[in-house]
Amino acid sequence: MRYEVRFEASGHRNVIGTHRTTLEITKESHLTRNGTCIVATDSTLALRGLNEDIRELARRNTTRIVLEMTAGALTERVVGWGSSGLTYKSETCMVARTSQYECDRTLMVNADRAAQDLSRKLVKMLRNPDACLSCKLMYLSEQRRP
């Protein structure tokens, strides 16, 4: 089983992208320099906006979750996993986590990358408020988790 969802987000002058364990995309338009994990604002989607079929897949630890982000000619992918504790209740954001921590904002756990691991060219591009980030979320049901 495979699901794909596309959405858009924007750059912001305060994007830093240096957080070591998380990466966040938010619907909020305000961002301070303290939000070191936030890489895009004004998202057209938050976790609560995903349908129940996707939520069910996200609650399986055998579901691979891929976030693909493209700005201009640059594309970055973050790959992580679903988990039984994912609720997808956040109405404002989604957070990829390299840890196994789960809360209403968690998109995926055990992600292979965080904000600090993104290309510095992409992060610099996302400091421009006019930058558009095209995102694709993919949910891939695996037989077992590697």
Protein backbone atom coordinates (compact mmCIF):
# COMPACT_ATOMS: atom_id res chain seq x y z
CA MET A 1 0.00 0.00 0.00
CA ARG A 2 1.24 3.47 -0.87
CA TYR A 3 -0.14 6.96 -0.29
CA GLU A 4 1.21 10.25 -1.56
CA VAL A 5 0.24 13.75 -0.48
CA ARG A 6 1.55 17.01 -1.91
CA PHE A 7 1.57 20.42 -0.25
CA GLU A 8 3.38 23.76 -0.34
CA ALA A 9 5.18 25.91 2.23
CA SER A 10 7.16 29.15 2.18
CA GLY A 11 10.54 30.39 3.18
CA HIS A 12 11.06 32.88 6.00
CA ARG A 13 13.89 35.30 6.81
CA ASN A 14 14.45 33.59 10.19
CA VAL A 15 14.99 30.05 8.87
CA ILE A 16 18.20 28.72 10.44
CA GLY A 17 17.91 24.94 10.01
CA THR A 18 20.47 23.91 12.62
CA HIS A 19 18.51 21.65 14.97
CA ARG A 20 20.28 18.33 15.54
CA THR A 21 17.31 15.99 16.07
CA THR A 22 14.21 17.49 14.43
CA LEU A 23 12.93 19.15 11.28
CA GLU A 24 9.64 21.05 11.27
CA ILE A 25 7.30 22.56 8.70
CA THR A 26 4.57 24.82 10.12
CA LYS A 27 1.37 26.52 9.02
CA GLU A 28 2.32 29.48 11.21
CA SER A 29 3.59 32.59 9.44
CA HIS A 30 5.57 33.93 12.41
CA LEU A 31 9.02 32.50 13.11
CA THR A 32 11.68 33.65 15.56
CA ARG A 33 15.37 32.76 15.41
CA ASN A 34 14.72 30.33 18.29
CA GLY A 35 12.88 27.94 15.92
CA THR A 36 16.08 26.27 14.70
CA CYS A 37 14.23 23.16 13.49
CA ILE A 38 11.68 25.04 11.36
CA VAL A 39 12.62 25.06 7.69
CA ALA A 40 9.38 26.44 6.19
CA THR A 41 6.29 28.40 7.22
CA ASP A 42 2.79 29.05 5.83
CA SER A 43 2.33 25.37 5.01
CA THR A 44 -0.87 24.39 3.26
CA LEU A 45 -0.97 21.20 5.36
CA ALA A 46 -0.58 20.09 8.98
CA LEU A 47 -0.86 16.54 10.34
CA ARG A 48 -4.53 16.90 11.29
CA GLY A 49 -5.33 17.47 7.59
CA LEU A 50 -4.26 13.95 6.58
CA ASN A 51 -6.98 11.36 6.03
CA GLU A 52 -7.70 8.38 8.28
CA ASP A 53 -6.12 5.84 5.88
CA ILE A 54 -2.83 7.70 6.12
CA ARG A 55 -3.12 8.04 9.90
CA GLU A 56 -3.64 4.29 10.17
CA LEU A 57 -0.54 3.63 8.08
CA ALA A 58 1.46 6.11 10.17
CA ARG A 59 0.60 4.12 13.32
CA ARG A 60 2.35 1.02 11.93
CA ASN A 61 6.05 0.62 12.67
CA THR A 62 6.47 -1.09 9.29
CA THR A 63 5.42 2.02 7.37
CA ARG A 64 8.27 3.96 5.82
CA ILE A 65 7.48 7.68 5.69
CA VAL A 66 9.32 9.90 3.21
CA LEU A 67 9.22 13.69 3.16
CA GLU A 68 10.55 15.08 -0.12
CA MET A 69 11.15 18.84 -0.24
CA THR A 70 11.97 20.79 -3.39
CA ALA A 71 12.88 24.46 -3.77
CA GLY A 72 14.11 25.56 -7.18
CA ALA A 73 16.45 22.86 -8.50
CA LEU A 74 17.27 21.50 -5.02
CA THR A 75 15.54 18.43 -3.57
CA GLU A 76 16.08 16.89 -0.13
CA ARG A 77 14.52 13.72 1.29
CA VAL A 78 14.00 12.75 4.91
CA VAL A 79 13.14 9.09 5.53
CA GLY A 80 11.71 7.78 8.79
CA TRP A 81 9.16 5.36 10.19
CA GLY A 82 5.67 5.18 11.55
CA SER A 83 4.95 4.21 15.15
CA SER A 84 1.95 3.11 17.19
CA GLY A 85 1.98 6.33 19.25
CA LEU A 86 1.61 8.76 16.33
CA THR A 87 -1.68 10.67 16.67
CA TYR A 88 -1.39 13.24 13.87
CA LYS A 89 -3.52 15.68 15.89
CA SER A 90 -1.49 18.85 15.28
CA GLU A 91 -3.41 21.54 13.45
CA THR A 92 -0.33 23.68 12.89
CA CYS A 93 2.72 21.61 11.98
CA MET A 94 4.60 18.38 11.35
CA VAL A 95 7.91 17.34 12.91
CA ALA A 96 10.32 14.67 11.64
CA ARG A 97 12.33 13.28 14.57
CA THR A 98 15.58 11.32 14.58
CA SER A 99 14.54 9.94 17.98
CA GLN A 100 11.59 7.76 18.93
CA TYR A 101 9.78 10.59 20.73
CA GLU A 102 6.08 10.78 19.90
CA CYS A 103 3.59 13.60 20.41
CA ASP A 104 0.68 15.16 18.50
CA ARG A 105 3.17 17.03 16.26
CA THR A 106 5.30 14.00 15.27
CA LEU A 107 5.25 13.12 11.57
CA MET A 108 7.81 10.29 11.74
CA VAL A 109 10.29 8.74 14.17
CA ASN A 110 13.82 7.44 13.59
CA ALA A 111 14.28 9.87 10.71
CA ASP A 112 17.58 9.65 8.87
CA ARG A 113 18.04 13.43 8.90
CA ALA A 114 17.21 16.55 10.89
CA ALA A 115 17.28 20.25 9.98
CA GLN A 116 21.08 20.48 10.44
CA ASP A 117 21.58 17.73 7.84
CA LEU A 118 19.89 19.60 5.00
CA SER A 119 21.92 21.18 2.24
CA ARG A 120 23.08 24.63 3.33
CA LYS A 121 22.16 25.82 -0.18
CA LEU A 122 18.55 24.78 0.45
CA VAL A 123 18.50 26.39 3.91
CA LYS A 124 19.90 29.63 2.46
CA MET A 125 17.24 29.55 -0.26
CA LEU A 126 14.54 29.08 2.40
CA ARG A 127 15.67 32.27 4.17
CA ASN A 128 13.97 34.13 1.34
CA PRO A 129 10.29 34.79 2.25
CA ASP A 130 9.41 34.48 -1.44
CA ALA A 131 10.85 30.96 -1.68
CA CYS A 132 8.33 28.22 -2.36
CA LEU A 133 8.93 24.75 -0.93
CA SER A 134 7.06 22.00 -2.77
CA CYS A 135 6.64 18.98 -0.53
CA LYS A 136 5.60 15.40 -1.09
CA LEU A 137 4.80 12.97 1.72
CA MET A 138 4.94 9.29 0.86
CA TYR A 139 3.68 6.44 3.05
CA LEU A 140 5.06 3.06 2.01
CA SER A 141 3.84 -0.10 3.67
CA GLU A 142 6.76 -2.52 4.15
CA GLN A 143 6.64 -6.20 5.04
CA ARG A 144 9.02 -5.60 7.96
CA ARG A 145 11.18 -2.86 9.20
CA PRO A 146 14.89 -3.25 8.39
